[in-house]
Every structure is written in structure tokens, then in C-alpha cells.
Amino acid sequence: IYDAAGIADHESIDGRSLAPLLTGEGAWERREYVTSRYNDALCYIDDQWWVRTDVDGEPGEAFHLPDDPFCQEDLIAELPADVYDRAWERLLADAGGELPVYDNPRRTDAVGLRY
């Protein structure tokens, strides 16, 4: 968004510019997986699995995307341990090694800046 608006980053933001993808100018490498966090909920998605967990590592839901692209059948009870372990390791790696604890959460904007 900053690139599209021509604004220089005023603080460090995790992620990368979508401008090459949107404009077709420059190189865009597809990432093997995506992770996200909202409050205490964590999400991991790759080509095969969509896994939801929490900051304590408690499994929430899992969907096998080739068989269930609309995520209707929760397979968390049958999720192979190696799939969950890979998701958890990648979630931690993307968080920088550990998940930040927000003991006193306040409202944030879309990029996580507190106001």
C-alpha cells in the first residue's frame, strides 16, 4: 500500500510490497506458504493444508485443501503430526522465533501500529 501511494515506510513493517504483483513490473516470487495472526489465533496455509491454532500451540482446525477447497470438513483430529509440526515451526519462524505476548492489547491499525 505504501508503494502504491508513493509513501516511504515510516516504521519497520513485516512483509513485502505487492506492487510487482499488481503492476506486472518487477519480479514476484510466490511463497511456499502463508502465515498470519489475529489476536491469539494463528493461521498457516500451504498448497495442501489450512491449519488454525492459537499462541499456546493448541490445535484449532485443519482442512485438506485439494479435497476440501471451501474448508467444510475439519480434519484436526486426523491431521498428521508432521503437518502440524511444520505449520507450527513456520509460524514461529515467521514471528522471529517466538510469538509476541500482548498482555495489554490496545486497538491497532491494519499494519499493527498501536493508536
N, C-alpha and C. Protein backbone atom coordinates (compact mmCIF):
# COMPACT_ATOMS: atom_id res chain seq x y z
N ILE A 1 0.84 -1.19 0.00
CA ILE A 1 0.00 0.00 0.00
C ILE A 1 0.88 1.25 0.00
N TYR A 2 1.95 1.20 0.82
CA TYR A 2 2.86 2.35 0.84
C TYR A 2 3.46 2.59 -0.54
N ASP A 3 3.90 1.52 -1.21
CA ASP A 3 4.49 1.68 -2.55
C ASP A 3 3.48 2.30 -3.52
N ALA A 4 2.27 1.81 -3.51
CA ALA A 4 1.25 2.32 -4.44
C ALA A 4 0.95 3.80 -4.18
N ALA A 5 1.03 4.20 -2.92
CA ALA A 5 0.75 5.60 -2.58
C ALA A 5 1.99 6.48 -2.70
N GLY A 6 3.15 5.86 -2.94
CA GLY A 6 4.39 6.63 -3.04
C GLY A 6 4.89 7.15 -1.71
N ILE A 7 4.56 6.44 -0.62
CA ILE A 7 4.95 6.85 0.72
C ILE A 7 6.09 5.97 1.21
N ALA A 8 7.13 6.60 1.73
CA ALA A 8 8.23 5.84 2.32
C ALA A 8 7.78 5.28 3.67
N ASP A 9 8.21 4.08 3.98
CA ASP A 9 7.87 3.48 5.28
C ASP A 9 8.33 4.39 6.40
N HIS A 10 7.44 4.66 7.36
CA HIS A 10 7.85 5.47 8.50
C HIS A 10 8.24 4.60 9.68
N GLU A 11 7.95 3.32 9.63
CA GLU A 11 8.35 2.36 10.65
C GLU A 11 8.56 1.02 9.96
N SER A 12 9.26 0.15 10.63
CA SER A 12 9.50 -1.19 10.10
C SER A 12 8.19 -1.97 10.03
N ILE A 13 7.93 -2.57 8.88
CA ILE A 13 6.72 -3.36 8.68
C ILE A 13 7.12 -4.71 8.11
N ASP A 14 6.63 -5.79 8.69
CA ASP A 14 6.89 -7.12 8.14
C ASP A 14 6.11 -7.29 6.86
N GLY A 15 6.71 -7.97 5.91
CA GLY A 15 6.03 -8.25 4.66
C GLY A 15 6.80 -7.67 3.50
N ARG A 16 6.14 -7.68 2.35
CA ARG A 16 6.78 -7.13 1.15
C ARG A 16 5.74 -6.45 0.29
N SER A 17 6.23 -5.62 -0.58
CA SER A 17 5.34 -4.84 -1.44
C SER A 17 4.62 -5.74 -2.43
N LEU A 18 3.35 -5.46 -2.64
CA LEU A 18 2.55 -6.16 -3.64
C LEU A 18 2.61 -5.47 -5.01
N ALA A 19 3.31 -4.35 -5.08
CA ALA A 19 3.35 -3.58 -6.32
C ALA A 19 3.79 -4.41 -7.53
N PRO A 20 4.86 -5.21 -7.45
CA PRO A 20 5.24 -6.01 -8.63
C PRO A 20 4.13 -6.96 -9.09
N LEU A 21 3.39 -7.52 -8.16
CA LEU A 21 2.29 -8.43 -8.50
C LEU A 21 1.14 -7.67 -9.15
N LEU A 22 0.83 -6.51 -8.63
CA LEU A 22 -0.31 -5.74 -9.12
C LEU A 22 -0.03 -5.04 -10.45
N THR A 23 1.20 -4.58 -10.63
CA THR A 23 1.53 -3.81 -11.83
C THR A 23 2.16 -4.64 -12.93
N GLY A 24 2.68 -5.81 -12.58
CA GLY A 24 3.40 -6.63 -13.56
C GLY A 24 4.81 -6.14 -13.80
N GLU A 25 5.22 -5.12 -13.07
CA GLU A 25 6.57 -4.58 -13.20
C GLU A 25 7.44 -5.13 -12.08
N GLY A 26 8.56 -5.73 -12.45
CA GLY A 26 9.44 -6.32 -11.45
C GLY A 26 9.13 -7.78 -11.24
N ALA A 27 9.93 -8.39 -10.41
CA ALA A 27 9.81 -9.83 -10.16
C ALA A 27 8.92 -10.09 -8.94
N TRP A 28 8.13 -11.13 -9.05
CA TRP A 28 7.32 -11.59 -7.92
C TRP A 28 7.54 -13.07 -7.75
N GLU A 29 8.05 -13.47 -6.59
CA GLU A 29 8.22 -14.89 -6.30
C GLU A 29 7.11 -15.34 -5.38
N ARG A 30 6.45 -16.40 -5.80
CA ARG A 30 5.37 -16.97 -4.99
C ARG A 30 5.99 -17.65 -3.77
N ARG A 31 5.43 -17.41 -2.62
CA ARG A 31 5.90 -18.02 -1.39
C ARG A 31 5.27 -19.40 -1.24
N GLU A 32 6.00 -20.33 -0.63
CA GLU A 32 5.52 -21.70 -0.47
C GLU A 32 4.36 -21.80 0.52
N TYR A 33 4.26 -20.86 1.44
CA TYR A 33 3.21 -20.88 2.45
C TYR A 33 2.94 -19.46 2.93
N VAL A 34 1.84 -19.31 3.68
CA VAL A 34 1.45 -18.02 4.26
C VAL A 34 1.12 -18.25 5.73
N THR A 35 1.52 -17.31 6.57
CA THR A 35 1.14 -17.35 7.98
C THR A 35 0.51 -16.01 8.34
N SER A 36 -0.36 -16.05 9.34
CA SER A 36 -0.95 -14.81 9.84
C SER A 36 -1.35 -14.99 11.30
N ARG A 37 -1.55 -13.86 11.93
CA ARG A 37 -2.00 -13.86 13.33
C ARG A 37 -3.04 -12.76 13.49
N TYR A 38 -4.08 -13.06 14.25
CA TYR A 38 -5.05 -12.06 14.66
C TYR A 38 -5.37 -12.35 16.12
N ASN A 39 -5.03 -11.42 17.01
CA ASN A 39 -5.12 -11.64 18.45
C ASN A 39 -4.35 -12.90 18.81
N ASP A 40 -5.00 -13.89 19.39
CA ASP A 40 -4.30 -15.11 19.77
C ASP A 40 -4.47 -16.24 18.77
N ALA A 41 -5.14 -15.99 17.65
CA ALA A 41 -5.37 -17.01 16.62
C ALA A 41 -4.25 -16.95 15.57
N LEU A 42 -3.74 -18.11 15.20
CA LEU A 42 -2.71 -18.22 14.18
C LEU A 42 -3.23 -19.04 13.01
N CYS A 43 -2.78 -18.70 11.83
CA CYS A 43 -3.21 -19.40 10.63
C CYS A 43 -2.00 -19.73 9.77
N TYR A 44 -1.97 -20.95 9.25
CA TYR A 44 -0.93 -21.42 8.34
C TYR A 44 -1.63 -22.01 7.12
N ILE A 45 -1.20 -21.61 5.92
CA ILE A 45 -1.78 -22.14 4.69
C ILE A 45 -0.66 -22.46 3.72
N ASP A 46 -0.68 -23.68 3.18
CA ASP A 46 0.19 -24.03 2.06
C ASP A 46 -0.69 -24.64 0.96
N ASP A 47 -0.10 -25.25 -0.04
CA ASP A 47 -0.89 -25.80 -1.14
C ASP A 47 -1.78 -26.98 -0.72
N GLN A 48 -1.45 -27.61 0.40
CA GLN A 48 -2.18 -28.79 0.83
C GLN A 48 -3.09 -28.55 2.03
N TRP A 49 -2.63 -27.68 2.97
CA TRP A 49 -3.31 -27.59 4.25
C TRP A 49 -3.61 -26.14 4.65
N TRP A 50 -4.71 -25.98 5.35
CA TRP A 50 -5.08 -24.75 6.04
C TRP A 50 -5.21 -25.17 7.50
N VAL A 51 -4.34 -24.62 8.37
CA VAL A 51 -4.31 -25.02 9.78
C VAL A 51 -4.49 -23.79 10.65
N ARG A 52 -5.41 -23.87 11.61
CA ARG A 52 -5.59 -22.81 12.59
C ARG A 52 -5.21 -23.34 13.96
N THR A 53 -4.46 -22.53 14.68
CA THR A 53 -4.04 -22.87 16.03
C THR A 53 -4.09 -21.61 16.87
N ASP A 54 -3.56 -21.67 18.09
CA ASP A 54 -3.50 -20.45 18.90
C ASP A 54 -2.07 -20.24 19.38
N VAL A 55 -1.85 -19.15 20.09
CA VAL A 55 -0.49 -18.80 20.51
C VAL A 55 0.10 -19.80 21.50
N ASP A 56 -0.73 -20.60 22.13
CA ASP A 56 -0.24 -21.63 23.04
C ASP A 56 0.02 -22.95 22.33
N GLY A 57 -0.21 -22.99 21.03
CA GLY A 57 0.03 -24.21 20.26
C GLY A 57 -1.12 -25.19 20.30
N GLU A 58 -2.27 -24.74 20.78
CA GLU A 58 -3.45 -25.61 20.83
C GLU A 58 -4.08 -25.70 19.45
N PRO A 59 -4.10 -26.90 18.85
CA PRO A 59 -4.69 -27.03 17.52
C PRO A 59 -6.17 -26.63 17.51
N GLY A 60 -6.57 -25.94 16.44
CA GLY A 60 -7.95 -25.49 16.33
C GLY A 60 -8.71 -26.21 15.23
N GLU A 61 -8.32 -25.97 13.99
CA GLU A 61 -8.98 -26.58 12.84
C GLU A 61 -7.93 -26.90 11.78
N ALA A 62 -8.27 -27.84 10.91
CA ALA A 62 -7.39 -28.16 9.78
C ALA A 62 -8.24 -28.64 8.61
N PHE A 63 -7.85 -28.20 7.42
CA PHE A 63 -8.58 -28.58 6.21
C PHE A 63 -7.59 -28.98 5.14
N HIS A 64 -7.88 -30.08 4.46
CA HIS A 64 -7.04 -30.54 3.35
C HIS A 64 -7.58 -29.90 2.07
N LEU A 65 -6.86 -28.88 1.60
CA LEU A 65 -7.37 -28.03 0.52
C LEU A 65 -7.63 -28.74 -0.81
N PRO A 66 -6.80 -29.70 -1.25
CA PRO A 66 -7.15 -30.36 -2.52
C PRO A 66 -8.49 -31.08 -2.48
N ASP A 67 -8.84 -31.65 -1.32
CA ASP A 67 -10.10 -32.38 -1.19
C ASP A 67 -11.26 -31.51 -0.69
N ASP A 68 -10.93 -30.39 -0.06
CA ASP A 68 -11.94 -29.55 0.59
C ASP A 68 -11.57 -28.07 0.44
N PRO A 69 -11.62 -27.55 -0.78
CA PRO A 69 -11.17 -26.18 -1.02
C PRO A 69 -12.02 -25.11 -0.32
N PHE A 70 -13.23 -25.45 0.08
CA PHE A 70 -14.09 -24.49 0.77
C PHE A 70 -14.06 -24.66 2.29
N CYS A 71 -13.14 -25.51 2.77
CA CYS A 71 -12.90 -25.70 4.22
C CYS A 71 -14.19 -26.03 4.98
N GLN A 72 -14.84 -27.08 4.57
CA GLN A 72 -16.09 -27.51 5.20
C GLN A 72 -15.90 -28.67 6.16
N GLU A 73 -14.86 -29.49 5.97
CA GLU A 73 -14.66 -30.69 6.79
C GLU A 73 -13.41 -30.55 7.64
N ASP A 74 -13.58 -30.26 8.91
CA ASP A 74 -12.47 -30.08 9.84
C ASP A 74 -11.79 -31.43 10.10
N LEU A 75 -10.50 -31.49 9.80
CA LEU A 75 -9.73 -32.73 9.96
C LEU A 75 -8.70 -32.64 11.07
N ILE A 76 -8.89 -31.74 12.02
CA ILE A 76 -7.88 -31.56 13.05
C ILE A 76 -7.58 -32.85 13.80
N ALA A 77 -8.58 -33.69 14.03
CA ALA A 77 -8.37 -34.95 14.75
C ALA A 77 -7.53 -35.93 13.95
N GLU A 78 -7.55 -35.82 12.62
CA GLU A 78 -6.79 -36.73 11.76
C GLU A 78 -5.54 -36.09 11.17
N LEU A 79 -5.23 -34.86 11.54
CA LEU A 79 -4.10 -34.14 10.97
C LEU A 79 -2.80 -34.86 11.30
N PRO A 80 -2.01 -35.23 10.28
CA PRO A 80 -0.72 -35.87 10.55
C PRO A 80 0.18 -34.97 11.39
N ALA A 81 0.88 -35.56 12.36
CA ALA A 81 1.73 -34.78 13.27
C ALA A 81 2.78 -33.98 12.52
N ASP A 82 3.33 -34.54 11.45
CA ASP A 82 4.37 -33.80 10.73
C ASP A 82 3.82 -32.55 10.05
N VAL A 83 2.57 -32.57 9.65
CA VAL A 83 1.95 -31.39 9.04
C VAL A 83 1.79 -30.30 10.10
N TYR A 84 1.27 -30.67 11.28
CA TYR A 84 1.12 -29.69 12.34
C TYR A 84 2.48 -29.15 12.78
N ASP A 85 3.45 -30.03 12.94
CA ASP A 85 4.79 -29.60 13.36
C ASP A 85 5.40 -28.62 12.36
N ARG A 86 5.25 -28.89 11.08
CA ARG A 86 5.77 -27.99 10.05
C ARG A 86 5.07 -26.63 10.12
N ALA A 87 3.74 -26.66 10.28
CA ALA A 87 2.98 -25.41 10.39
C ALA A 87 3.45 -24.61 11.60
N TRP A 88 3.59 -25.26 12.74
CA TRP A 88 4.00 -24.58 13.97
C TRP A 88 5.42 -24.00 13.83
N GLU A 89 6.33 -24.78 13.27
CA GLU A 89 7.71 -24.31 13.08
C GLU A 89 7.73 -23.08 12.17
N ARG A 90 6.94 -23.09 11.12
CA ARG A 90 6.92 -21.96 10.19
C ARG A 90 6.23 -20.74 10.81
N LEU A 91 5.21 -20.96 11.61
CA LEU A 91 4.57 -19.85 12.32
C LEU A 91 5.58 -19.17 13.25
N LEU A 92 6.33 -19.97 14.00
CA LEU A 92 7.34 -19.42 14.90
C LEU A 92 8.45 -18.72 14.13
N ALA A 93 8.90 -19.33 13.03
CA ALA A 93 9.97 -18.72 12.23
C ALA A 93 9.53 -17.36 11.68
N ASP A 94 8.32 -17.27 11.19
CA ASP A 94 7.82 -16.01 10.65
C ASP A 94 7.64 -14.96 11.75
N ALA A 95 7.44 -15.41 12.98
CA ALA A 95 7.31 -14.48 14.11
C ALA A 95 8.67 -14.07 14.67
N GLY A 96 9.74 -14.61 14.11
CA GLY A 96 11.08 -14.27 14.59
C GLY A 96 11.59 -15.19 15.68
N GLY A 97 10.99 -16.35 15.84
CA GLY A 97 11.47 -17.32 16.81
C GLY A 97 10.55 -17.54 18.00
N GLU A 98 9.77 -16.54 18.33
CA GLU A 98 8.77 -16.71 19.38
C GLU A 98 7.62 -15.75 19.10
N LEU A 99 6.49 -16.08 19.67
CA LEU A 99 5.30 -15.26 19.44
C LEU A 99 5.24 -14.15 20.48
N PRO A 100 5.08 -12.91 20.03
CA PRO A 100 4.96 -11.82 20.99
C PRO A 100 3.72 -12.00 21.87
N VAL A 101 3.84 -11.59 23.12
CA VAL A 101 2.72 -11.64 24.05
C VAL A 101 2.17 -10.23 24.20
N TYR A 102 0.88 -10.09 24.00
CA TYR A 102 0.23 -8.80 24.14
C TYR A 102 -0.63 -8.84 25.40
N ASP A 103 0.01 -8.51 26.55
CA ASP A 103 -0.71 -8.54 27.83
C ASP A 103 -1.75 -7.44 27.95
N ASN A 104 -1.48 -6.31 27.33
CA ASN A 104 -2.39 -5.18 27.42
C ASN A 104 -2.70 -4.70 26.02
N PRO A 105 -3.46 -5.49 25.25
CA PRO A 105 -3.71 -5.10 23.87
C PRO A 105 -4.55 -3.84 23.78
N ARG A 106 -4.18 -3.01 22.83
CA ARG A 106 -4.97 -1.84 22.50
C ARG A 106 -5.33 -1.96 21.04
N ARG A 107 -6.12 -1.06 20.57
CA ARG A 107 -6.50 -1.08 19.16
C ARG A 107 -5.29 -0.82 18.29
N THR A 108 -5.27 -1.44 17.13
CA THR A 108 -4.20 -1.22 16.16
C THR A 108 -4.81 -0.96 14.79
N ASP A 109 -4.01 -0.36 13.93
CA ASP A 109 -4.47 -0.19 12.55
C ASP A 109 -4.16 -1.46 11.76
N ALA A 110 -4.36 -1.42 10.47
CA ALA A 110 -4.23 -2.62 9.65
C ALA A 110 -2.82 -3.18 9.61
N VAL A 111 -1.80 -2.37 9.87
CA VAL A 111 -0.42 -2.88 9.85
C VAL A 111 0.13 -3.09 11.25
N GLY A 112 -0.72 -3.03 12.26
CA GLY A 112 -0.33 -3.36 13.62
C GLY A 112 0.22 -2.21 14.44
N LEU A 113 0.16 -1.00 13.93
CA LEU A 113 0.62 0.15 14.70
C LEU A 113 -0.44 0.52 15.72
N ARG A 114 -0.03 0.67 16.96
CA ARG A 114 -0.98 0.97 18.04
C ARG A 114 -1.39 2.43 18.00
N TYR A 115 -2.62 2.68 18.34
CA TYR A 115 -3.09 4.08 18.46
C TYR A 115 -4.03 4.21 19.63
